[in-house]
């Protein structure tokens, strides 16, 4: 991945996750009767992050990956999921992960 090409979009992905989660929390605070999905062992914050990750599911071929890594202003989708979640303490808290020391905070 060409970090120079993807820098602004990487920053936007990190900030976007933070503000989307904040908007969800504000919505949740005004809808205190938010139901849980009965067959799933996840709380609502965990489901928010699962939904975030699912948005980026994709299947790639090698030609697309090579072209994307050389010229695209966006990182490949797995990176667009992993990096913002790694940098987001609320994700670690929701899943009981040990926060990484190698994180960045945006805004």
Protein backbone atom coordinates (compact mmCIF):
# COMPACT_ATOMS: atom_id res chain seq x y z
CA UNK A 1 0.00 0.00 0.00
CA UNK A 2 1.28 3.45 -0.85
CA UNK A 3 0.93 5.28 2.46
CA UNK A 4 1.32 8.66 0.79
CA UNK A 5 -1.66 7.95 -1.46
CA UNK A 6 -3.84 6.56 1.34
CA UNK A 7 -2.97 8.89 4.23
CA UNK A 8 -5.96 11.24 4.05
CA UNK A 9 -8.42 8.37 3.61
CA UNK A 10 -6.81 6.42 6.47
CA UNK A 11 -7.29 9.44 8.73
CA UNK A 12 -10.89 9.77 7.52
CA UNK A 13 -11.57 6.08 8.26
CA UNK A 14 -10.27 6.48 11.81
CA UNK A 15 -12.22 9.67 12.46
CA UNK A 16 -15.33 8.33 10.74
CA UNK A 17 -15.49 5.32 13.04
CA UNK A 18 -15.18 7.55 16.08
CA UNK A 19 -17.98 9.87 14.98
CA UNK A 20 -20.23 7.04 13.81
CA UNK A 21 -19.89 5.35 17.20
CA UNK A 22 -20.58 8.64 18.96
CA UNK A 23 -23.72 9.12 16.84
CA UNK A 24 -24.82 5.57 17.70
CA UNK A 25 -24.29 6.25 21.41
CA UNK A 26 -26.34 9.45 21.18
CA UNK A 27 -29.12 7.54 19.44
CA UNK A 28 -28.93 4.74 22.01
CA UNK A 29 -29.17 7.24 24.88
CA UNK A 30 -32.49 8.49 23.52
CA UNK A 31 -33.82 4.99 22.80
CA UNK A 32 -33.27 3.29 26.15
CA UNK A 33 -35.42 0.31 25.21
CA UNK A 34 -33.07 -0.86 22.48
CA UNK A 35 -33.70 -4.56 22.03
CA UNK A 36 -31.02 -7.23 21.89
CA UNK A 37 -30.98 -9.86 19.20
CA UNK A 38 -32.04 -13.02 21.05
CA UNK A 39 -29.97 -15.62 19.20
CA UNK A 40 -26.67 -13.74 19.27
CA UNK A 41 -24.24 -13.60 22.20
CA UNK A 42 -23.22 -10.00 21.45
CA UNK A 43 -24.18 -6.79 23.20
CA UNK A 44 -25.28 -3.77 21.19
CA UNK A 45 -21.86 -2.09 21.16
CA UNK A 46 -20.31 -5.30 19.85
CA UNK A 47 -22.98 -5.48 17.15
CA UNK A 48 -22.14 -1.91 16.10
CA UNK A 49 -18.52 -2.93 15.49
CA UNK A 50 -19.52 -6.17 13.75
CA UNK A 51 -21.75 -4.14 11.45
CA UNK A 52 -18.90 -1.73 10.77
CA UNK A 53 -16.62 -4.61 9.77
CA UNK A 54 -19.24 -6.33 7.62
CA UNK A 55 -19.68 -3.17 5.58
CA UNK A 56 -16.16 -3.72 4.23
CA UNK A 57 -16.48 -7.43 3.29
CA UNK A 58 -15.25 -8.01 -0.26
CA UNK A 59 -13.61 -10.62 -2.43
CA UNK A 60 -10.62 -9.55 -4.52
CA UNK A 61 -8.64 -11.02 -7.37
CA UNK A 62 -4.86 -10.62 -7.59
CA UNK A 63 -5.00 -8.10 -10.44
CA UNK A 64 -7.29 -5.79 -8.47
CA UNK A 65 -5.14 -6.06 -5.34
CA UNK A 66 -1.98 -5.17 -7.26
CA UNK A 67 -3.59 -2.19 -9.00
CA UNK A 68 -5.19 -0.99 -5.79
CA UNK A 69 -1.99 -1.17 -3.78
CA UNK A 70 -0.12 0.90 -6.36
CA UNK A 71 -2.62 3.64 -7.14
CA UNK A 72 -5.76 3.68 -5.00
CA UNK A 73 -6.24 6.44 -2.42
CA UNK A 74 -7.99 3.88 -0.20
CA UNK A 75 -6.35 1.02 1.65
CA UNK A 76 -7.69 -2.46 0.96
CA UNK A 77 -10.84 -3.20 2.93
CA UNK A 78 -9.23 -5.50 5.54
CA UNK A 79 -6.89 -2.64 6.46
CA UNK A 80 -9.83 -0.21 6.54
CA UNK A 81 -11.35 -2.44 9.22
CA UNK A 82 -8.32 -3.49 11.26
CA UNK A 83 -6.55 -0.15 11.61
CA UNK A 84 -9.47 1.99 12.84
CA UNK A 85 -10.62 -0.75 15.22
CA UNK A 86 -7.10 -1.21 16.57
CA UNK A 87 -6.87 2.54 17.19
CA UNK A 88 -10.29 2.76 18.88
CA UNK A 89 -10.31 2.10 22.65
CA UNK A 90 -14.09 1.58 22.68
CA UNK A 91 -13.65 -1.46 20.43
CA UNK A 92 -11.13 -2.98 22.85
CA UNK A 93 -13.49 -2.26 25.73
CA UNK A 94 -16.52 -3.76 23.94
CA UNK A 95 -14.75 -7.06 23.29
CA UNK A 96 -12.54 -7.18 26.38
CA UNK A 97 -9.32 -6.92 24.35
CA UNK A 98 -6.05 -5.73 25.75
CA UNK A 99 -5.49 -2.35 24.11
CA UNK A 100 -2.46 -2.18 21.86
CA UNK A 101 0.37 0.18 22.71
CA UNK A 102 0.79 0.93 19.00
CA UNK A 103 -2.33 3.01 18.49
CA UNK A 104 -3.12 6.50 17.27
CA UNK A 105 -5.88 8.80 18.47
CA UNK A 106 -7.69 10.96 15.94
CA UNK A 107 -9.64 14.06 16.86
